[in-house]
Amino acid sequence: MKAVTAKEVQERLEKGENLHLIDVREVDEVEAGHIPGILHIPLGLLEFRMNELSKETPYIMVCRSGGRSGRATEFLQSQGFDVTNMSGGMLAWEGEVE
């Protein structure tokens, strides 16, 4: 499984890179604070909403600590998507939040 650190994601966003981030946490967790511009798809709905995603687009999966996003990464990879897990999740995130 491909992985990237929260710091690497933050640096890439600060450089203006257009990243496609998917937050797989629950609604209340996302409302408490999330990376601006993130797409929210709770892990339990990912299987049903993956038709909204493009296999041509690389995605970075985000959750609280990296566990759920790791499961989401493995699932989407098995379906042919280009996905990377943000290790450490939002606990490791030091960038801007909404």
N, C-alpha and C. Protein backbone atom coordinates (compact mmCIF):
# COMPACT_ATOMS: atom_id res chain seq x y z
N MET A 1 0.85 -1.19 0.00
CA MET A 1 0.00 0.00 0.00
C MET A 1 0.89 1.24 0.00
N LYS A 2 0.55 2.18 -0.88
CA LYS A 2 1.29 3.44 -0.92
C LYS A 2 0.86 4.30 0.27
N ALA A 3 1.82 5.04 0.82
CA ALA A 3 1.53 5.92 1.95
C ALA A 3 2.27 7.24 1.79
N VAL A 4 1.71 8.27 2.39
CA VAL A 4 2.30 9.60 2.39
C VAL A 4 2.08 10.17 3.78
N THR A 5 3.00 10.98 4.27
CA THR A 5 2.81 11.57 5.59
C THR A 5 1.90 12.79 5.51
N ALA A 6 1.32 13.14 6.64
CA ALA A 6 0.47 14.33 6.70
C ALA A 6 1.28 15.57 6.34
N LYS A 7 2.54 15.61 6.76
CA LYS A 7 3.41 16.75 6.46
C LYS A 7 3.64 16.88 4.95
N GLU A 8 3.85 15.75 4.27
CA GLU A 8 4.04 15.78 2.82
C GLU A 8 2.79 16.30 2.12
N VAL A 9 1.62 15.85 2.57
CA VAL A 9 0.37 16.33 1.98
C VAL A 9 0.23 17.83 2.20
N GLN A 10 0.50 18.29 3.41
CA GLN A 10 0.41 19.71 3.73
C GLN A 10 1.35 20.53 2.85
N GLU A 11 2.59 20.08 2.69
CA GLU A 11 3.56 20.80 1.86
C GLU A 11 3.11 20.86 0.41
N ARG A 12 2.58 19.76 -0.10
CA ARG A 12 2.10 19.74 -1.48
C ARG A 12 0.93 20.70 -1.68
N LEU A 13 0.00 20.74 -0.71
CA LEU A 13 -1.13 21.67 -0.80
C LEU A 13 -0.66 23.11 -0.73
N GLU A 14 0.30 23.39 0.15
CA GLU A 14 0.82 24.76 0.30
C GLU A 14 1.54 25.24 -0.95
N LYS A 15 2.08 24.30 -1.75
CA LYS A 15 2.73 24.64 -3.01
C LYS A 15 1.71 24.84 -4.13
N GLY A 16 0.42 24.63 -3.81
CA GLY A 16 -0.63 24.84 -4.79
C GLY A 16 -0.98 23.62 -5.60
N GLU A 17 -0.47 22.46 -5.21
CA GLU A 17 -0.78 21.23 -5.93
C GLU A 17 -2.25 20.87 -5.73
N ASN A 18 -2.90 20.44 -6.79
CA ASN A 18 -4.31 20.07 -6.72
C ASN A 18 -4.42 18.60 -6.35
N LEU A 19 -4.60 18.34 -5.05
CA LEU A 19 -4.70 16.96 -4.57
C LEU A 19 -6.16 16.57 -4.40
N HIS A 20 -6.44 15.31 -4.58
CA HIS A 20 -7.79 14.79 -4.40
C HIS A 20 -7.81 13.98 -3.11
N LEU A 21 -8.29 14.61 -2.04
CA LEU A 21 -8.31 14.00 -0.72
C LEU A 21 -9.71 13.49 -0.41
N ILE A 22 -9.78 12.28 0.14
CA ILE A 22 -11.06 11.71 0.55
C ILE A 22 -10.98 11.40 2.04
N ASP A 23 -11.87 12.01 2.81
CA ASP A 23 -11.94 11.79 4.25
C ASP A 23 -12.99 10.72 4.50
N VAL A 24 -12.57 9.62 5.14
CA VAL A 24 -13.49 8.49 5.35
C VAL A 24 -14.02 8.43 6.78
N ARG A 25 -13.83 9.51 7.55
CA ARG A 25 -14.35 9.54 8.92
C ARG A 25 -15.86 9.74 8.92
N GLU A 26 -16.45 9.62 10.10
CA GLU A 26 -17.88 9.82 10.26
C GLU A 26 -18.21 11.31 10.21
N VAL A 27 -19.48 11.63 9.98
CA VAL A 27 -19.95 13.01 9.81
C VAL A 27 -19.52 13.91 10.97
N ASP A 28 -19.73 13.47 12.22
CA ASP A 28 -19.40 14.32 13.36
C ASP A 28 -17.91 14.60 13.45
N GLU A 29 -17.07 13.63 13.05
CA GLU A 29 -15.62 13.84 13.06
C GLU A 29 -15.21 14.89 12.03
N VAL A 30 -15.80 14.81 10.85
CA VAL A 30 -15.47 15.75 9.77
C VAL A 30 -15.95 17.15 10.15
N GLU A 31 -17.13 17.24 10.75
CA GLU A 31 -17.65 18.55 11.15
C GLU A 31 -16.80 19.20 12.23
N ALA A 32 -16.11 18.39 13.03
CA ALA A 32 -15.24 18.92 14.10
C ALA A 32 -13.95 19.51 13.54
N GLY A 33 -13.62 19.20 12.29
CA GLY A 33 -12.43 19.76 11.66
C GLY A 33 -11.92 18.87 10.56
N HIS A 34 -11.73 19.47 9.39
CA HIS A 34 -11.24 18.71 8.23
C HIS A 34 -10.36 19.58 7.36
N ILE A 35 -9.60 18.94 6.49
CA ILE A 35 -8.74 19.64 5.55
C ILE A 35 -9.64 20.34 4.52
N PRO A 36 -9.43 21.64 4.27
CA PRO A 36 -10.27 22.36 3.31
C PRO A 36 -10.28 21.68 1.93
N GLY A 37 -11.46 21.62 1.34
CA GLY A 37 -11.61 21.09 -0.01
C GLY A 37 -11.67 19.58 -0.11
N ILE A 38 -11.71 18.91 1.02
CA ILE A 38 -11.71 17.45 1.02
C ILE A 38 -13.08 16.90 0.60
N LEU A 39 -13.07 15.72 -0.02
CA LEU A 39 -14.31 15.03 -0.34
C LEU A 39 -14.61 14.09 0.82
N HIS A 40 -15.83 14.15 1.35
CA HIS A 40 -16.18 13.31 2.49
C HIS A 40 -17.02 12.12 2.03
N ILE A 41 -16.47 10.93 2.22
CA ILE A 41 -17.21 9.69 1.97
C ILE A 41 -16.93 8.78 3.17
N PRO A 42 -17.89 8.65 4.10
CA PRO A 42 -17.66 7.77 5.24
C PRO A 42 -17.27 6.35 4.79
N LEU A 43 -16.37 5.73 5.53
CA LEU A 43 -15.87 4.41 5.15
C LEU A 43 -16.99 3.43 4.86
N GLY A 44 -18.06 3.44 5.66
CA GLY A 44 -19.17 2.52 5.46
C GLY A 44 -19.93 2.73 4.17
N LEU A 45 -19.77 3.90 3.54
CA LEU A 45 -20.47 4.19 2.29
C LEU A 45 -19.56 4.12 1.06
N LEU A 46 -18.28 3.88 1.28
CA LEU A 46 -17.31 3.92 0.19
C LEU A 46 -17.66 2.94 -0.94
N GLU A 47 -18.05 1.74 -0.58
CA GLU A 47 -18.40 0.73 -1.58
C GLU A 47 -19.54 1.20 -2.47
N PHE A 48 -20.48 1.95 -1.88
CA PHE A 48 -21.66 2.39 -2.61
C PHE A 48 -21.44 3.70 -3.37
N ARG A 49 -20.41 4.45 -2.99
CA ARG A 49 -20.16 5.74 -3.64
C ARG A 49 -18.91 5.76 -4.51
N MET A 50 -18.23 4.63 -4.66
CA MET A 50 -17.00 4.64 -5.46
C MET A 50 -17.28 4.94 -6.93
N ASN A 51 -18.54 4.83 -7.34
CA ASN A 51 -18.89 5.20 -8.72
C ASN A 51 -18.74 6.71 -8.95
N GLU A 52 -18.62 7.49 -7.88
CA GLU A 52 -18.40 8.94 -7.99
C GLU A 52 -16.93 9.26 -8.27
N LEU A 53 -16.06 8.26 -8.16
CA LEU A 53 -14.62 8.46 -8.31
C LEU A 53 -14.16 8.02 -9.69
N SER A 54 -13.01 8.56 -10.10
CA SER A 54 -12.43 8.22 -11.39
C SER A 54 -11.17 7.37 -11.20
N LYS A 55 -11.06 6.31 -11.96
CA LYS A 55 -9.85 5.47 -11.88
C LYS A 55 -8.65 6.17 -12.50
N GLU A 56 -8.88 7.29 -13.17
CA GLU A 56 -7.80 8.06 -13.78
C GLU A 56 -7.20 9.07 -12.79
N THR A 57 -7.86 9.29 -11.66
CA THR A 57 -7.46 10.31 -10.69
C THR A 57 -6.78 9.66 -9.48
N PRO A 58 -5.60 10.16 -9.09
CA PRO A 58 -4.98 9.64 -7.86
C PRO A 58 -5.65 10.27 -6.63
N TYR A 59 -5.95 9.46 -5.64
CA TYR A 59 -6.60 9.94 -4.42
C TYR A 59 -5.72 9.70 -3.21
N ILE A 60 -5.88 10.55 -2.21
CA ILE A 60 -5.22 10.37 -0.92
C ILE A 60 -6.33 10.19 0.11
N MET A 61 -6.26 9.08 0.84
CA MET A 61 -7.29 8.74 1.82
C MET A 61 -6.89 9.26 3.20
N VAL A 62 -7.87 9.83 3.92
CA VAL A 62 -7.62 10.45 5.22
C VAL A 62 -8.65 9.95 6.23
N CYS A 63 -8.20 9.70 7.47
CA CYS A 63 -9.11 9.42 8.58
C CYS A 63 -8.50 10.02 9.85
N ARG A 64 -8.88 9.53 11.01
CA ARG A 64 -8.38 10.09 12.26
C ARG A 64 -6.91 9.75 12.49
N SER A 65 -6.56 8.45 12.36
CA SER A 65 -5.20 8.04 12.69
C SER A 65 -4.50 7.25 11.58
N GLY A 66 -5.22 6.88 10.54
CA GLY A 66 -4.63 6.14 9.43
C GLY A 66 -5.15 4.72 9.27
N GLY A 67 -5.90 4.22 10.24
CA GLY A 67 -6.43 2.85 10.17
C GLY A 67 -7.56 2.68 9.18
N ARG A 68 -8.60 3.49 9.34
CA ARG A 68 -9.75 3.40 8.42
C ARG A 68 -9.34 3.78 7.01
N SER A 69 -8.51 4.80 6.88
CA SER A 69 -8.07 5.21 5.54
C SER A 69 -7.20 4.11 4.92
N GLY A 70 -6.48 3.35 5.75
CA GLY A 70 -5.71 2.22 5.25
C GLY A 70 -6.63 1.15 4.67
N ARG A 71 -7.73 0.86 5.39
CA ARG A 71 -8.70 -0.12 4.88
C ARG A 71 -9.34 0.40 3.58
N ALA A 72 -9.66 1.71 3.56
CA ALA A 72 -10.24 2.31 2.35
C ALA A 72 -9.26 2.23 1.19
N THR A 73 -7.99 2.48 1.46
CA THR A 73 -6.95 2.42 0.42
C THR A 73 -6.87 1.00 -0.15
N GLU A 74 -6.81 0.00 0.73
CA GLU A 74 -6.74 -1.39 0.26
C GLU A 74 -7.97 -1.76 -0.57
N PHE A 75 -9.15 -1.34 -0.11
CA PHE A 75 -10.38 -1.66 -0.85
C PHE A 75 -10.36 -1.01 -2.24
N LEU A 76 -10.08 0.28 -2.30
CA LEU A 76 -10.10 0.97 -3.60
C LEU A 76 -9.01 0.45 -4.53
N GLN A 77 -7.84 0.12 -3.97
CA GLN A 77 -6.78 -0.48 -4.81
C GLN A 77 -7.27 -1.78 -5.43
N SER A 78 -7.99 -2.57 -4.65
CA SER A 78 -8.49 -3.85 -5.16
C SER A 78 -9.53 -3.64 -6.26
N GLN A 79 -10.10 -2.44 -6.33
CA GLN A 79 -11.10 -2.11 -7.36
C GLN A 79 -10.47 -1.37 -8.54
N GLY A 80 -9.13 -1.21 -8.52
CA GLY A 80 -8.44 -0.61 -9.66
C GLY A 80 -8.18 0.88 -9.56
N PHE A 81 -8.35 1.47 -8.37
CA PHE A 81 -8.11 2.89 -8.20
C PHE A 81 -6.66 3.16 -7.78
N ASP A 82 -6.17 4.37 -8.09
CA ASP A 82 -4.84 4.83 -7.69
C ASP A 82 -5.01 5.58 -6.37
N VAL A 83 -4.71 4.93 -5.26
CA VAL A 83 -4.93 5.53 -3.95
C VAL A 83 -3.71 5.41 -3.05
N THR A 84 -3.57 6.40 -2.18
CA THR A 84 -2.47 6.48 -1.22
C THR A 84 -3.06 6.77 0.14
N ASN A 85 -2.53 6.14 1.17
CA ASN A 85 -3.00 6.38 2.54
C ASN A 85 -2.19 7.50 3.18
N MET A 86 -2.87 8.46 3.84
CA MET A 86 -2.16 9.49 4.61
C MET A 86 -1.90 8.92 5.99
N SER A 87 -0.68 8.47 6.21
CA SER A 87 -0.34 7.84 7.49
C SER A 87 -0.40 8.87 8.63
N GLY A 88 -0.90 8.42 9.76
CA GLY A 88 -1.04 9.30 10.92
C GLY A 88 -2.36 10.04 10.96
N GLY A 89 -3.03 10.13 9.81
CA GLY A 89 -4.35 10.76 9.74
C GLY A 89 -4.39 12.19 10.28
N MET A 90 -5.58 12.59 10.70
CA MET A 90 -5.78 13.96 11.19
C MET A 90 -5.04 14.20 12.51
N LEU A 91 -4.71 13.15 13.24
CA LEU A 91 -3.93 13.33 14.47
C LEU A 91 -2.54 13.90 14.15
N ALA A 92 -2.02 13.58 12.96
CA ALA A 92 -0.71 14.07 12.54
C ALA A 92 -0.79 15.37 11.73
N TRP A 93 -2.00 15.80 11.38
CA TRP A 93 -2.19 16.97 10.52
C TRP A 93 -1.91 18.26 11.29
N GLU A 94 -1.05 19.10 10.74
CA GLU A 94 -0.72 20.38 11.37
C GLU A 94 -1.15 21.57 10.50
N GLY A 95 -1.73 21.26 9.35
CA GLY A 95 -2.14 22.32 8.42
C GLY A 95 -3.48 22.92 8.77
N GLU A 96 -3.99 23.68 7.83
CA GLU A 96 -5.28 24.37 7.99
C GLU A 96 -6.44 23.38 8.10
N VAL A 97 -7.41 23.72 8.94
CA VAL A 97 -8.64 22.92 9.03
C VAL A 97 -9.84 23.84 8.95
N GLU A 98 -10.94 23.28 8.49
CA GLU A 98 -12.22 24.02 8.43
C GLU A 98 -13.15 23.43 9.46
